Protein backbone atom coordinates (compact mmCIF):
# COMPACT_ATOMS: atom_id res chain seq x y z
CA MET A 1 34.49 51.75 22.20
CA THR A 2 36.34 48.86 24.28
CA GLU A 3 35.08 45.23 23.41
CA ARG A 4 33.50 43.97 26.91
CA ASP A 5 35.37 40.65 28.03
CA ASP A 6 33.70 37.79 29.33
CA GLY A 7 33.62 38.40 32.57
CA GLU A 8 31.83 41.90 32.17
CA LEU A 9 29.39 40.39 29.85
CA LEU A 10 28.21 37.60 32.17
CA ALA A 11 27.81 40.33 35.04
CA ALA A 12 25.63 42.17 32.80
CA TRP A 13 23.50 39.61 31.80
CA GLN A 14 22.97 38.47 35.24
CA THR A 15 21.68 42.25 36.03
CA GLY A 16 19.14 41.80 32.77
CA ASP A 17 21.28 43.21 30.09
CA ARG A 18 19.56 41.09 27.48
CA ALA A 19 22.29 42.61 24.49
CA ALA A 20 25.20 41.22 26.65
CA GLY A 21 23.65 37.76 26.96
CA SER A 22 23.30 37.96 23.06
CA ALA A 23 27.15 38.97 22.78
CA LEU A 24 28.19 36.15 24.93
CA PHE A 25 25.91 33.71 23.12
CA ASP A 26 27.16 34.73 19.85
CA ARG A 27 30.68 34.87 20.90
CA HIS A 28 30.91 31.20 22.10
CA PHE A 29 27.77 29.36 20.55
CA ARG A 30 30.03 27.83 17.86
CA SER A 31 32.03 26.19 20.41
CA VAL A 32 29.26 24.79 22.05
CA ALA A 33 27.35 23.97 19.20
CA ARG A 34 30.34 22.30 17.78
CA PHE A 35 30.95 20.11 21.14
CA VAL A 36 27.37 18.94 21.30
CA ARG A 37 26.88 18.32 17.59
CA THR A 38 29.37 15.37 17.60
CA LYS A 39 27.44 13.54 20.42
CA VAL A 40 23.71 13.92 19.82
CA GLY A 41 21.74 13.00 16.61
CA ARG A 42 19.22 15.57 16.17
CA GLU A 43 19.67 18.88 15.38
CA ALA A 44 16.59 19.92 17.50
CA GLU A 45 18.04 18.27 20.79
CA VAL A 46 21.13 20.09 19.74
CA ASP A 47 20.09 23.51 19.90
CA ASP A 48 18.05 22.64 23.16
CA LEU A 49 21.09 21.45 24.87
CA VAL A 50 23.10 24.60 23.71
CA GLN A 51 20.16 26.88 25.25
CA ALA A 52 20.31 24.67 28.31
CA THR A 53 24.14 25.30 28.43
CA PHE A 54 23.76 29.14 28.05
CA LEU A 55 20.61 29.24 30.38
CA ALA A 56 22.86 27.16 33.49
CA CYS A 57 25.87 29.33 33.03
CA LEU A 58 22.75 32.39 33.86
CA GLU A 59 21.41 30.78 36.63
CA ALA A 60 24.32 29.57 38.70
CA PRO A 61 26.50 32.60 37.88
CA SER A 62 28.36 31.87 41.14
CA ARG A 63 29.72 29.06 39.97
CA PHE A 64 32.01 30.97 37.26
CA ARG A 65 34.70 32.89 39.54
CA GLY A 66 36.63 34.50 36.57
CA GLU A 67 39.31 31.22 36.96
CA GLY A 68 40.00 29.87 33.70
CA SER A 69 37.83 31.21 30.53
CA LEU A 70 34.05 31.37 30.19
CA ARG A 71 34.39 29.56 27.25
CA GLY A 72 35.77 26.54 28.79
CA TYR A 73 33.58 26.86 31.74
CA LEU A 74 30.55 26.37 29.19
CA LEU A 75 31.89 23.46 27.29
CA GLY A 76 32.09 21.92 31.02
CA ILE A 77 28.44 22.67 31.39
CA ALA A 78 27.91 21.23 28.10
CA TYR A 79 29.60 17.91 28.98
CA HIS A 80 27.36 17.61 31.75
CA LYS A 81 24.22 18.18 30.10
CA VAL A 82 25.22 15.40 27.32
CA GLN A 83 25.80 13.20 30.22
CA ARG A 84 22.44 13.93 31.75
CA TYR A 85 21.10 13.62 28.13
CA TYR A 86 21.81 10.08 28.05
CA GLY A 87 20.89 9.51 32.03
CA ASP A 88 17.30 10.74 31.01
CA ARG A 89 16.96 8.07 28.38
CA GLY A 90 17.82 5.24 30.24
CA ARG A 91 22.00 5.47 30.70
CA ALA A 92 21.95 6.86 34.12
CA ALA A 93 25.19 4.42 34.68
CA LEU A 94 26.88 5.94 31.57
CA ASP A 95 30.65 4.18 31.64
CA LEU A 96 32.61 7.08 29.77
CA GLU A 97 35.82 4.52 29.78
CA GLN A 98 33.47 2.25 27.48
CA VAL A 99 30.36 3.63 25.67
CA ARG A 100 30.89 5.59 22.45
CA VAL A 101 28.50 8.10 20.82
CA HIS A 102 28.27 5.83 17.92
CA ASP A 103 26.61 3.34 20.01
CA LEU A 104 24.50 5.74 21.61
CA ALA A 105 22.94 8.06 18.79
CA PRO A 106 22.80 7.99 14.74
CA GLY A 107 24.84 11.34 15.03
CA PRO A 108 25.79 13.79 12.26
CA GLY A 109 26.50 12.05 9.33
CA THR A 110 29.98 12.23 7.65
CA ALA A 111 28.83 14.32 5.09
CA LEU A 112 29.47 17.36 7.48
CA ALA A 113 32.88 17.00 6.31
CA ARG A 114 34.05 17.53 2.82
CA ARG A 115 37.66 15.56 2.65
CA ALA A 116 37.87 11.79 2.75
CA GLU A 117 40.21 12.13 5.36
CA GLN A 118 37.87 14.63 7.43
CA ARG A 119 35.15 12.27 7.09
CA LEU A 120 37.26 9.13 7.97
CA LEU A 121 38.65 10.90 10.95
CA LEU A 122 35.04 12.13 12.43
CA ALA A 123 33.79 8.50 12.32
CA GLY A 124 37.07 7.43 14.21
CA LEU A 125 36.21 10.15 16.96
CA ARG A 126 32.55 8.97 17.38
CA ARG A 127 33.87 5.60 17.87
CA LEU A 128 36.23 6.12 20.59
CA PRO A 129 34.90 5.79 24.20
CA LEU A 130 33.25 9.30 25.31
CA GLN A 131 36.21 10.43 27.35
CA PHE A 132 38.38 9.96 24.82
CA GLN A 133 36.29 11.64 22.22
CA VAL A 134 35.87 14.73 24.38
CA VAL A 135 39.52 15.43 25.27
CA LEU A 136 40.75 15.29 21.73
CA GLU A 137 37.77 17.49 20.68
CA LEU A 138 38.69 20.16 23.35
CA TYR A 139 42.23 19.73 22.51
CA PHE A 140 41.99 19.91 18.58
CA TRP A 141 38.96 22.15 18.14
CA GLU A 142 38.62 24.25 21.04
CA GLU A 143 42.59 24.29 21.15
CA LEU A 144 42.52 23.96 24.71
CA SER A 145 45.84 23.33 26.87
CA ALA A 146 46.05 20.26 29.05
CA ALA A 147 45.41 22.23 32.04
CA ALA A 148 42.56 23.91 30.65
CA ILE A 149 40.87 20.85 29.64
CA GLY A 150 41.74 19.30 33.34
CA ALA A 151 39.65 22.56 34.55
CA VAL A 152 36.84 21.46 32.32
CA LEU A 153 36.44 17.98 33.03
CA GLY A 154 37.64 18.41 36.81
CA GLU A 155 40.91 16.16 35.98
CA PRO A 156 44.54 16.87 37.05
CA GLU A 157 46.60 18.02 34.30
CA GLY A 158 49.21 14.93 33.98
CA THR A 159 45.56 12.48 33.81
CA VAL A 160 44.64 14.72 30.69
CA ARG A 161 48.13 14.62 29.20
CA THR A 162 47.96 10.82 29.60
CA ARG A 163 44.69 10.62 28.04
CA ILE A 164 45.17 12.94 25.20
CA ARG A 165 48.09 10.37 24.38
CA ARG A 166 46.09 7.23 24.68
CA ALA A 167 43.17 8.66 22.97
CA LYS A 168 45.41 9.54 19.61
CA GLN A 169 46.56 6.02 20.05
CA LEU A 170 42.68 4.83 19.85
CA LEU A 171 41.77 7.19 17.11
CA ALA A 172 44.79 6.03 14.94
CA ALA A 173 43.40 2.22 15.42
CA GLN A 174 39.77 2.89 14.57
CA ILE A 175 41.23 4.75 11.32
CA GLU A 176 43.23 1.59 10.45
CA GLY A 177 39.91 -0.40 10.99
CA LEU A 178 37.51 1.93 9.14
CA ALA A 179 39.52 2.35 5.77
CA ALA A 180 40.75 0.05 3.37
CA ALA A 181 42.35 2.34 1.27
CA ARG A 182 46.40 2.41 2.54
CA ALA A 183 46.84 5.96 1.34
CA LEU A 184 43.88 7.27 2.94
CA ILE A 185 44.94 5.51 6.04
CA GLU A 186 48.45 7.18 5.80
CA SER A 187 47.29 10.49 4.81
CA THR A 188 44.68 10.61 7.72
CA ILE A 189 47.04 9.69 10.20
CA HIS A 190 50.32 11.51 9.43
CA GLY A 191 48.27 14.80 9.31
CA LEU A 192 45.99 14.19 11.99
CA ASP A 193 46.50 17.45 13.67
CA ASP A 194 45.75 19.21 10.73
CA TRP A 195 42.82 17.34 9.44
CA ALA A 196 41.10 17.49 12.63
CA ARG A 197 41.49 21.48 12.91
CA GLY A 198 40.14 21.54 9.38
CA LEU A 199 37.34 19.77 10.18
CA ARG A 200 36.74 22.16 13.12
CA ALA A 201 35.46 24.36 10.39
CA GLU A 202 33.24 22.45 8.96
CA LEU A 203 31.14 21.44 12.38
């Protein structure tokens, strides 16, 4: 039997096919949960936001028109859910260019990562302004192109490319400031792509 694509599963889910909904959830749960988990402190709240993301996809099906991937569409919803989550907690004027997850919530412990380089990387990511943290996570962990990230964030591809470059620079600076051992700093920065993609499996 041929596996149904996301569009077919979503259409079936909209007509009440719970099995199709479960299949979509299983297919994209890890990406959405990983995205939310690095920005929200408590696991119960992570679960709530993940469920709210999938529910929003079901309740507003006409917004997904098959342009781009459903995974990217879900991550875009999750991004807005995270912003609203903090807005509902008295941060309505959330400045994505300034505010850092490190300052907003306790977040996941660096124990989620096994290697010292990965723990340092995760700590550095959470100290970036949110818009830079998000763009790096989409680039490294979801392996989205600049064009696909632009579709998720509603930004031009050129803006995203510039933001990725700047985000890597800011992350390197954070890593420099967080670690005392020069060998660890150099190992983390020089192997940044590999450590970042390795951390994906831990989250």
